[in-house]
Full PDB file with SEQRES, HELIX, SHEET, SSBOND, CRYST1, ORIGX, SCALE, CONECT and MASTER records, all heavy atoms in Angstrom:
SEQRES   1 A   30  ALA ASP LYS GLY TRP LYS GLN ALA CYS GLU ASP ASP PRO          
SEQRES   2 A   30  HIS LEU LEU ASN GLY LEU ASN VAL HIS ALA GLY GLN LEU          
SEQRES   3 A   30  THR TYR TYR ALA                                              
HELIX    1 AA1 GLY A    4  ASP A   11  1                                   8    
HELIX    2 AA2 PRO A   13  LEU A   16  1                                   4    
SHEET    1 AA1 2 VAL A  21  HIS A  22  0                                        
SHEET    2 AA1 2 GLN A  25  LEU A  26 -1                                        
CRYST1    1.000    1.000    1.000  90.00  90.00  90.00 P 1           1          
ORIGX1      1.000000  0.000000  0.000000        0.00000                         
ORIGX2      0.000000  1.000000  0.000000        0.00000                         
ORIGX3      0.000000  0.000000  1.000000        0.00000                         
SCALE1      1.000000  0.000000  0.000000        0.00000                         
SCALE2      0.000000  1.000000  0.000000        0.00000                         
SCALE3      0.000000  0.000000  1.000000        0.00000                         
ATOM      1  N   ALA A   1     -36.675  29.607  35.511  1.00  0.00           N  
ATOM      2  CA  ALA A   1     -36.926  30.455  36.680  1.00  0.00           C  
ATOM      3  C   ALA A   1     -37.114  29.616  37.944  1.00  0.00           C  
ATOM      4  O   ALA A   1     -36.626  29.971  39.003  1.00  0.00           O  
ATOM      5  CB  ALA A   1     -38.140  31.292  36.414  1.00  0.00           C  
ATOM      6  N   ASP A   2     -37.801  28.508  37.805  1.00  0.00           N  
ATOM      7  CA  ASP A   2     -38.086  27.701  39.013  1.00  0.00           C  
ATOM      8  C   ASP A   2     -36.879  26.973  39.540  1.00  0.00           C  
ATOM      9  O   ASP A   2     -36.604  26.866  40.762  1.00  0.00           O  
ATOM     10  CB  ASP A   2     -39.116  26.569  38.614  1.00  0.00           C  
ATOM     11  CG  ASP A   2     -40.509  27.140  38.384  1.00  0.00           C  
ATOM     12  OD1 ASP A   2     -40.738  28.319  38.663  1.00  0.00           O  
ATOM     13  OD2 ASP A   2     -41.363  26.406  37.835  1.00  0.00           O  
ATOM     14  N   LYS A   3     -35.981  26.497  38.615  1.00  0.00           N  
ATOM     15  CA  LYS A   3     -34.884  25.681  39.032  1.00  0.00           C  
ATOM     16  C   LYS A   3     -33.494  26.350  38.971  1.00  0.00           C  
ATOM     17  O   LYS A   3     -32.534  25.834  39.572  1.00  0.00           O  
ATOM     18  CB  LYS A   3     -34.813  24.460  38.165  1.00  0.00           C  
ATOM     19  CG  LYS A   3     -36.036  23.575  38.122  1.00  0.00           C  
ATOM     20  CD  LYS A   3     -35.866  22.374  37.144  1.00  0.00           C  
ATOM     21  CE  LYS A   3     -37.061  21.508  37.083  1.00  0.00           C  
ATOM     22  NZ  LYS A   3     -36.879  20.386  36.087  1.00  0.00           N  
ATOM     23  N   GLY A   4     -33.447  27.510  38.311  1.00  0.00           N  
ATOM     24  CA  GLY A   4     -32.132  28.067  37.959  1.00  0.00           C  
ATOM     25  C   GLY A   4     -31.624  27.357  36.731  1.00  0.00           C  
ATOM     26  O   GLY A   4     -31.987  26.258  36.387  1.00  0.00           O  
ATOM     27  N   TRP A   5     -30.730  28.083  35.976  1.00  0.00           N  
ATOM     28  CA  TRP A   5     -30.410  27.576  34.602  1.00  0.00           C  
ATOM     29  C   TRP A   5     -29.631  26.256  34.700  1.00  0.00           C  
ATOM     30  O   TRP A   5     -29.794  25.327  33.876  1.00  0.00           O  
ATOM     31  CB  TRP A   5     -29.648  28.628  33.836  1.00  0.00           C  
ATOM     32  CG  TRP A   5     -28.167  28.766  34.198  1.00  0.00           C  
ATOM     33  CD1 TRP A   5     -27.649  29.676  35.067  1.00  0.00           C  
ATOM     34  CD2 TRP A   5     -27.104  28.038  33.654  1.00  0.00           C  
ATOM     35  NE1 TRP A   5     -26.313  29.560  35.162  1.00  0.00           N  
ATOM     36  CE2 TRP A   5     -25.935  28.567  34.301  1.00  0.00           C  
ATOM     37  CE3 TRP A   5     -26.965  26.964  32.753  1.00  0.00           C  
ATOM     38  CZ2 TRP A   5     -24.661  28.016  34.027  1.00  0.00           C  
ATOM     39  CZ3 TRP A   5     -25.704  26.477  32.457  1.00  0.00           C  
ATOM     40  CH2 TRP A   5     -24.553  27.010  33.116  1.00  0.00           C  
ATOM     41  N   LYS A   6     -28.777  26.129  35.712  1.00  0.00           N  
ATOM     42  CA  LYS A   6     -27.926  24.908  35.779  1.00  0.00           C  
ATOM     43  C   LYS A   6     -28.801  23.675  36.008  1.00  0.00           C  
ATOM     44  O   LYS A   6     -28.659  22.628  35.318  1.00  0.00           O  
ATOM     45  CB  LYS A   6     -26.854  24.999  36.856  1.00  0.00           C  
ATOM     46  CG  LYS A   6     -25.678  25.911  36.461  1.00  0.00           C  
ATOM     47  CD  LYS A   6     -24.576  25.779  37.460  1.00  0.00           C  
ATOM     48  CE  LYS A   6     -23.365  26.575  36.962  1.00  0.00           C  
ATOM     49  NZ  LYS A   6     -22.194  26.475  37.890  1.00  0.00           N  
ATOM     50  N   GLN A   7     -29.712  23.726  37.010  1.00  0.00           N  
ATOM     51  CA  GLN A   7     -30.506  22.566  37.300  1.00  0.00           C  
ATOM     52  C   GLN A   7     -31.452  22.260  36.159  1.00  0.00           C  
ATOM     53  O   GLN A   7     -31.700  21.133  35.798  1.00  0.00           O  
ATOM     54  CB  GLN A   7     -31.298  22.807  38.602  1.00  0.00           C  
ATOM     55  CG  GLN A   7     -31.992  21.502  39.116  1.00  0.00           C  
ATOM     56  CD  GLN A   7     -31.075  20.376  39.412  1.00  0.00           C  
ATOM     57  OE1 GLN A   7     -30.111  20.591  40.188  1.00  0.00           O  
ATOM     58  NE2 GLN A   7     -31.260  19.238  38.785  1.00  0.00           N  
ATOM     59  N   ALA A   8     -32.036  23.341  35.599  1.00  0.00           N  
ATOM     60  CA  ALA A   8     -32.952  23.178  34.451  1.00  0.00           C  
ATOM     61  C   ALA A   8     -32.280  22.473  33.242  1.00  0.00           C  
ATOM     62  O   ALA A   8     -32.873  21.593  32.663  1.00  0.00           O  
ATOM     63  CB  ALA A   8     -33.526  24.481  34.021  1.00  0.00           C  
ATOM     64  N   CYS A   9     -31.041  22.899  32.985  1.00  0.00           N  
ATOM     65  CA  CYS A   9     -30.293  22.277  31.885  1.00  0.00           C  
ATOM     66  C   CYS A   9     -29.793  20.885  32.169  1.00  0.00           C  
ATOM     67  O   CYS A   9     -29.723  20.027  31.327  1.00  0.00           O  
ATOM     68  CB  CYS A   9     -29.132  23.189  31.467  1.00  0.00           C  
ATOM     69  SG  CYS A   9     -29.585  24.737  30.582  1.00  0.00           S  
ATOM     70  N   GLU A  10     -29.488  20.649  33.463  1.00  0.00           N  
ATOM     71  CA  GLU A  10     -29.054  19.335  33.854  1.00  0.00           C  
ATOM     72  C   GLU A  10     -30.206  18.359  33.754  1.00  0.00           C  
ATOM     73  O   GLU A  10     -30.047  17.168  33.355  1.00  0.00           O  
ATOM     74  CB  GLU A  10     -28.556  19.307  35.292  1.00  0.00           C  
ATOM     75  CG  GLU A  10     -27.865  18.040  35.739  1.00  0.00           C  
ATOM     76  CD  GLU A  10     -27.117  18.196  37.083  1.00  0.00           C  
ATOM     77  OE1 GLU A  10     -26.589  19.248  37.326  1.00  0.00           O  
ATOM     78  OE2 GLU A  10     -27.123  17.207  37.807  1.00  0.00           O  
ATOM     79  N   ASP A  11     -31.429  18.789  34.059  1.00  0.00           N  
ATOM     80  CA  ASP A  11     -32.599  17.979  34.001  1.00  0.00           C  
ATOM     81  C   ASP A  11     -33.106  17.757  32.561  1.00  0.00           C  
ATOM     82  O   ASP A  11     -33.829  16.732  32.288  1.00  0.00           O  
ATOM     83  CB  ASP A  11     -33.753  18.554  34.826  1.00  0.00           C  
ATOM     84  CG  ASP A  11     -33.506  18.530  36.307  1.00  0.00           C  
ATOM     85  OD1 ASP A  11     -32.538  17.807  36.748  1.00  0.00           O  
ATOM     86  OD2 ASP A  11     -34.212  19.252  37.038  1.00  0.00           O  
ATOM     87  N   ASP A  12     -32.756  18.683  31.664  1.00  0.00           N  
ATOM     88  CA  ASP A  12     -33.292  18.627  30.301  1.00  0.00           C  
ATOM     89  C   ASP A  12     -32.170  18.831  29.289  1.00  0.00           C  
ATOM     90  O   ASP A  12     -31.742  19.975  29.011  1.00  0.00           O  
ATOM     91  CB  ASP A  12     -34.350  19.729  30.129  1.00  0.00           C  
ATOM     92  CG  ASP A  12     -34.960  19.727  28.741  1.00  0.00           C  
ATOM     93  OD1 ASP A  12     -34.583  18.860  27.903  1.00  0.00           O  
ATOM     94  OD2 ASP A  12     -35.988  20.503  28.505  1.00  0.00           O  
ATOM     95  N   PRO A  13     -31.583  17.747  28.701  1.00  0.00           N  
ATOM     96  CA  PRO A  13     -30.530  17.899  27.769  1.00  0.00           C  
ATOM     97  C   PRO A  13     -30.902  18.726  26.524  1.00  0.00           C  
ATOM     98  O   PRO A  13     -30.043  19.314  25.890  1.00  0.00           O  
ATOM     99  CB  PRO A  13     -30.149  16.436  27.419  1.00  0.00           C  
ATOM    100  CG  PRO A  13     -31.371  15.694  27.736  1.00  0.00           C  
ATOM    101  CD  PRO A  13     -31.992  16.379  28.932  1.00  0.00           C  
ATOM    102  N   HIS A  14     -32.164  18.758  26.186  1.00  0.00           N  
ATOM    103  CA  HIS A  14     -32.609  19.574  25.022  1.00  0.00           C  
ATOM    104  C   HIS A  14     -32.479  21.061  25.348  1.00  0.00           C  
ATOM    105  O   HIS A  14     -32.125  21.803  24.475  1.00  0.00           O  
ATOM    106  CB  HIS A  14     -34.045  19.241  24.698  1.00  0.00           C  
ATOM    107  CG  HIS A  14     -34.244  17.795  24.270  1.00  0.00           C  
ATOM    108  ND1 HIS A  14     -33.639  17.238  23.129  1.00  0.00           N  
ATOM    109  CD2 HIS A  14     -34.929  16.750  24.831  1.00  0.00           C  
ATOM    110  CE1 HIS A  14     -33.895  16.005  23.016  1.00  0.00           C  
ATOM    111  NE2 HIS A  14     -34.700  15.667  24.034  1.00  0.00           N  
ATOM    112  N   LEU A  15     -32.758  21.431  26.605  1.00  0.00           N  
ATOM    113  CA  LEU A  15     -32.532  22.827  26.927  1.00  0.00           C  
ATOM    114  C   LEU A  15     -31.058  23.155  26.992  1.00  0.00           C  
ATOM    115  O   LEU A  15     -30.652  24.259  26.631  1.00  0.00           O  
ATOM    116  CB  LEU A  15     -33.187  23.070  28.300  1.00  0.00           C  
ATOM    117  CG  LEU A  15     -33.079  24.567  28.810  1.00  0.00           C  
ATOM    118  CD1 LEU A  15     -33.647  25.538  27.902  1.00  0.00           C  
ATOM    119  CD2 LEU A  15     -33.775  24.653  30.241  1.00  0.00           C  
ATOM    120  N   LEU A  16     -30.271  22.211  27.492  1.00  0.00           N  
ATOM    121  CA  LEU A  16     -28.828  22.363  27.478  1.00  0.00           C  
ATOM    122  C   LEU A  16     -28.271  22.659  26.084  1.00  0.00           C  
ATOM    123  O   LEU A  16     -27.329  23.397  25.924  1.00  0.00           O  
ATOM    124  CB  LEU A  16     -28.142  21.140  28.077  1.00  0.00           C  
ATOM    125  CG  LEU A  16     -26.619  21.168  28.256  1.00  0.00           C  
ATOM    126  CD1 LEU A  16     -26.135  22.333  29.086  1.00  0.00           C  
ATOM    127  CD2 LEU A  16     -26.106  19.861  28.769  1.00  0.00           C  
ATOM    128  N   ASN A  17     -28.883  22.086  25.065  1.00  0.00           N  
ATOM    129  CA  ASN A  17     -28.448  22.331  23.723  1.00  0.00           C  
ATOM    130  C   ASN A  17     -28.637  23.802  23.325  1.00  0.00           C  
ATOM    131  O   ASN A  17     -28.046  24.232  22.342  1.00  0.00           O  
ATOM    132  CB  ASN A  17     -29.239  21.447  22.717  1.00  0.00           C  
ATOM    133  CG  ASN A  17     -28.769  20.006  22.788  1.00  0.00           C  
ATOM    134  OD1 ASN A  17     -27.660  19.716  23.132  1.00  0.00           O  
ATOM    135  ND2 ASN A  17     -29.651  19.080  22.401  1.00  0.00           N  
ATOM    136  N   GLY A  18     -29.459  24.468  24.054  1.00  0.00           N  
ATOM    137  CA  GLY A  18     -29.639  25.974  23.832  1.00  0.00           C  
ATOM    138  C   GLY A  18     -28.512  26.821  24.388  1.00  0.00           C  
ATOM    139  O   GLY A  18     -28.440  27.982  23.998  1.00  0.00           O  
ATOM    140  N   LEU A  19     -27.689  26.280  25.283  1.00  0.00           N  
ATOM    141  CA  LEU A  19     -26.617  27.052  25.863  1.00  0.00           C  
ATOM    142  C   LEU A  19     -25.579  27.386  24.825  1.00  0.00           C  
ATOM    143  O   LEU A  19     -24.925  26.568  24.224  1.00  0.00           O  
ATOM    144  CB  LEU A  19     -26.022  26.250  27.032  1.00  0.00           C  
ATOM    145  CG  LEU A  19     -24.947  26.999  27.871  1.00  0.00           C  
ATOM    146  CD1 LEU A  19     -25.633  28.138  28.627  1.00  0.00           C  
ATOM    147  CD2 LEU A  19     -24.268  26.070  28.815  1.00  0.00           C  
ATOM    148  N   ASN A  20     -25.402  28.673  24.575  1.00  0.00           N  
ATOM    149  CA  ASN A  20     -24.404  29.119  23.636  1.00  0.00           C  
ATOM    150  C   ASN A  20     -23.214  29.877  24.260  1.00  0.00           C  
ATOM    151  O   ASN A  20     -22.112  29.796  23.762  1.00  0.00           O  
ATOM    152  CB  ASN A  20     -25.045  30.098  22.633  1.00  0.00           C  
ATOM    153  CG  ASN A  20     -25.780  29.441  21.462  1.00  0.00           C  
ATOM    154  OD1 ASN A  20     -25.761  29.855  20.314  1.00  0.00           O  
ATOM    155  ND2 ASN A  20     -26.466  28.328  21.831  1.00  0.00           N  
ATOM    156  N   VAL A  21     -23.429  30.508  25.403  1.00  0.00           N  
ATOM    157  CA  VAL A  21     -22.423  31.298  26.035  1.00  0.00           C  
ATOM    158  C   VAL A  21     -22.556  31.146  27.601  1.00  0.00           C  
ATOM    159  O   VAL A  21     -23.690  31.163  28.056  1.00  0.00           O  
ATOM    160  CB  VAL A  21     -22.537  32.793  25.690  1.00  0.00           C  
ATOM    161  CG1 VAL A  21     -21.549  33.638  26.504  1.00  0.00           C  
ATOM    162  CG2 VAL A  21     -22.299  33.000  24.198  1.00  0.00           C  
ATOM    163  N   HIS A  22     -21.442  30.999  28.301  1.00  0.00           N  
ATOM    164  CA  HIS A  22     -21.485  30.974  29.717  1.00  0.00           C  
ATOM    165  C   HIS A  22     -20.172  31.522  30.253  1.00  0.00           C  
ATOM    166  O   HIS A  22     -19.050  30.993  29.908  1.00  0.00           O  
ATOM    167  CB  HIS A  22     -21.685  29.570  30.302  1.00  0.00           C  
ATOM    168  CG  HIS A  22     -21.520  29.516  31.764  1.00  0.00           C  
ATOM    169  ND1 HIS A  22     -22.376  30.193  32.641  1.00  0.00           N  
ATOM    170  CD2 HIS A  22     -20.645  28.829  32.556  1.00  0.00           C  
ATOM    171  CE1 HIS A  22     -21.974  29.974  33.888  1.00  0.00           C  
ATOM    172  NE2 HIS A  22     -20.954  29.149  33.852  1.00  0.00           N  
ATOM    173  N   ALA A  23     -20.249  32.535  31.062  1.00  0.00           N  
ATOM    174  CA  ALA A  23     -19.106  33.082  31.843  1.00  0.00           C  
ATOM    175  C   ALA A  23     -17.869  33.317  30.949  1.00  0.00           C  
ATOM    176  O   ALA A  23     -16.792  32.889  31.286  1.00  0.00           O  
ATOM    177  CB  ALA A  23     -18.777  32.131  33.007  1.00  0.00           C  
ATOM    178  N   GLY A  24     -18.064  33.982  29.839  1.00  0.00           N  
ATOM    179  CA  GLY A  24     -16.950  34.294  28.977  1.00  0.00           C  
ATOM    180  C   GLY A  24     -16.479  33.184  28.083  1.00  0.00           C  
ATOM    181  O   GLY A  24     -15.456  33.351  27.397  1.00  0.00           O  
ATOM    182  N   GLN A  25     -17.214  32.094  27.974  1.00  0.00           N  
ATOM    183  CA  GLN A  25     -16.805  30.944  27.129  1.00  0.00           C  
ATOM    184  C   GLN A  25     -17.952  30.584  26.196  1.00  0.00           C  
ATOM    185  O   GLN A  25     -19.154  30.644  26.553  1.00  0.00           O  
ATOM    186  CB  GLN A  25     -16.353  29.774  27.991  1.00  0.00           C  
ATOM    187  CG  GLN A  25     -15.130  30.007  28.799  1.00  0.00           C  
ATOM    188  CD  GLN A  25     -14.730  28.811  29.637  1.00  0.00           C  
ATOM    189  OE1 GLN A  25     -15.469  28.390  30.506  1.00  0.00           O  
ATOM    190  NE2 GLN A  25     -13.571  28.220  29.312  1.00  0.00           N  
ATOM    191  N   LEU A  26     -17.549  30.223  24.994  1.00  0.00           N  
ATOM    192  CA  LEU A  26     -18.557  29.789  23.985  1.00  0.00           C  
ATOM    193  C   LEU A  26     -18.815  28.287  24.205  1.00  0.00           C  
ATOM    194  O   LEU A  26     -17.880  27.504  24.468  1.00  0.00           O  
ATOM    195  CB  LEU A  26     -17.997  29.992  22.555  1.00  0.00           C  
ATOM    196  CG  LEU A  26     -18.959  30.011  21.424  1.00  0.00           C  
ATOM    197  CD1 LEU A  26     -19.991  31.134  21.548  1.00  0.00           C  
ATOM    198  CD2 LEU A  26     -18.168  30.173  20.122  1.00  0.00           C  
ATOM    199  N   THR A  27     -20.109  27.917  24.118  1.00  0.00           N  
ATOM    200  CA  THR A  27     -20.472  26.508  24.446  1.00  0.00           C  
ATOM    201  C   THR A  27     -21.229  25.828  23.283  1.00  0.00           C  
ATOM    202  O   THR A  27     -21.881  24.832  23.545  1.00  0.00           O  
ATOM    203  CB  THR A  27     -21.296  26.450  25.717  1.00  0.00           C  
ATOM    204  OG1 THR A  27     -22.495  27.302  25.534  1.00  0.00           O  
ATOM    205  CG2 THR A  27     -20.536  26.979  26.931  1.00  0.00           C  
ATOM    206  N   TYR A  28     -21.207  26.424  22.141  1.00  0.00           N  
ATOM    207  CA  TYR A  28     -21.903  25.825  20.996  1.00  0.00           C  
ATOM    208  C   TYR A  28     -20.966  25.644  19.831  1.00  0.00           C  
ATOM    209  O   TYR A  28     -20.489  26.600  19.292  1.00  0.00           O  
ATOM    210  CB  TYR A  28     -23.134  26.679  20.564  1.00  0.00           C  
ATOM    211  CG  TYR A  28     -24.138  25.900  19.771  1.00  0.00           C  
ATOM    212  CD1 TYR A  28     -25.085  25.095  20.428  1.00  0.00           C  
ATOM    213  CD2 TYR A  28     -24.179  25.914  18.390  1.00  0.00           C  
ATOM    214  CE1 TYR A  28     -26.030  24.377  19.665  1.00  0.00           C  
ATOM    215  CE2 TYR A  28     -25.047  25.225  17.658  1.00  0.00           C  
ATOM    216  CZ  TYR A  28     -26.005  24.393  18.291  1.00  0.00           C  
ATOM    217  OH  TYR A  28     -26.905  23.642  17.599  1.00  0.00           O  
ATOM    218  N   TYR A  29     -20.791  24.372  19.477  1.00  0.00           N  
ATOM    219  CA  TYR A  29     -19.717  24.018  18.482  1.00  0.00           C  
ATOM    220  C   TYR A  29     -19.853  24.743  17.144  1.00  0.00           C  
ATOM    221  O   TYR A  29     -18.892  25.270  16.526  1.00  0.00           O  
ATOM    222  CB  TYR A  29     -19.679  22.545  18.322  1.00  0.00           C  
ATOM    223  CG  TYR A  29     -18.682  22.086  17.262  1.00  0.00           C  
ATOM    224  CD1 TYR A  29     -17.258  22.138  17.478  1.00  0.00           C  
ATOM    225  CD2 TYR A  29     -19.122  21.737  15.943  1.00  0.00           C  
ATOM    226  CE1 TYR A  29     -16.405  21.699  16.512  1.00  0.00           C  
ATOM    227  CE2 TYR A  29     -18.192  21.363  14.967  1.00  0.00           C  
ATOM    228  CZ  TYR A  29     -16.862  21.363  15.225  1.00  0.00           C  
ATOM    229  OH  TYR A  29     -15.950  21.007  14.282  1.00  0.00           O  
ATOM    230  N   ALA A  30     -21.082  24.735  16.567  1.00  0.00           N  
ATOM    231  CA  ALA A  30     -21.294  25.340  15.261  1.00  0.00           C  
ATOM    232  C   ALA A  30     -20.938  26.789  15.193  1.00  0.00           C  
ATOM    233  O   ALA A  30     -20.410  27.291  14.154  1.00  0.00           O  
ATOM    234  CB  ALA A  30     -22.702  25.091  14.803  1.00  0.00           C  
TER     235      ALA A  30                                                      
MASTER        0    0    0    2    2    0    0    6  234    1    0    3          
END                                                                             
């Protein structure tokens, strides 16, 4: 909420691992 999802995920690679879907594309390999 404070940073927006892009900045929050850029700052925290562990949070980025939670990204599964974005703008019509799948982002999680498994």
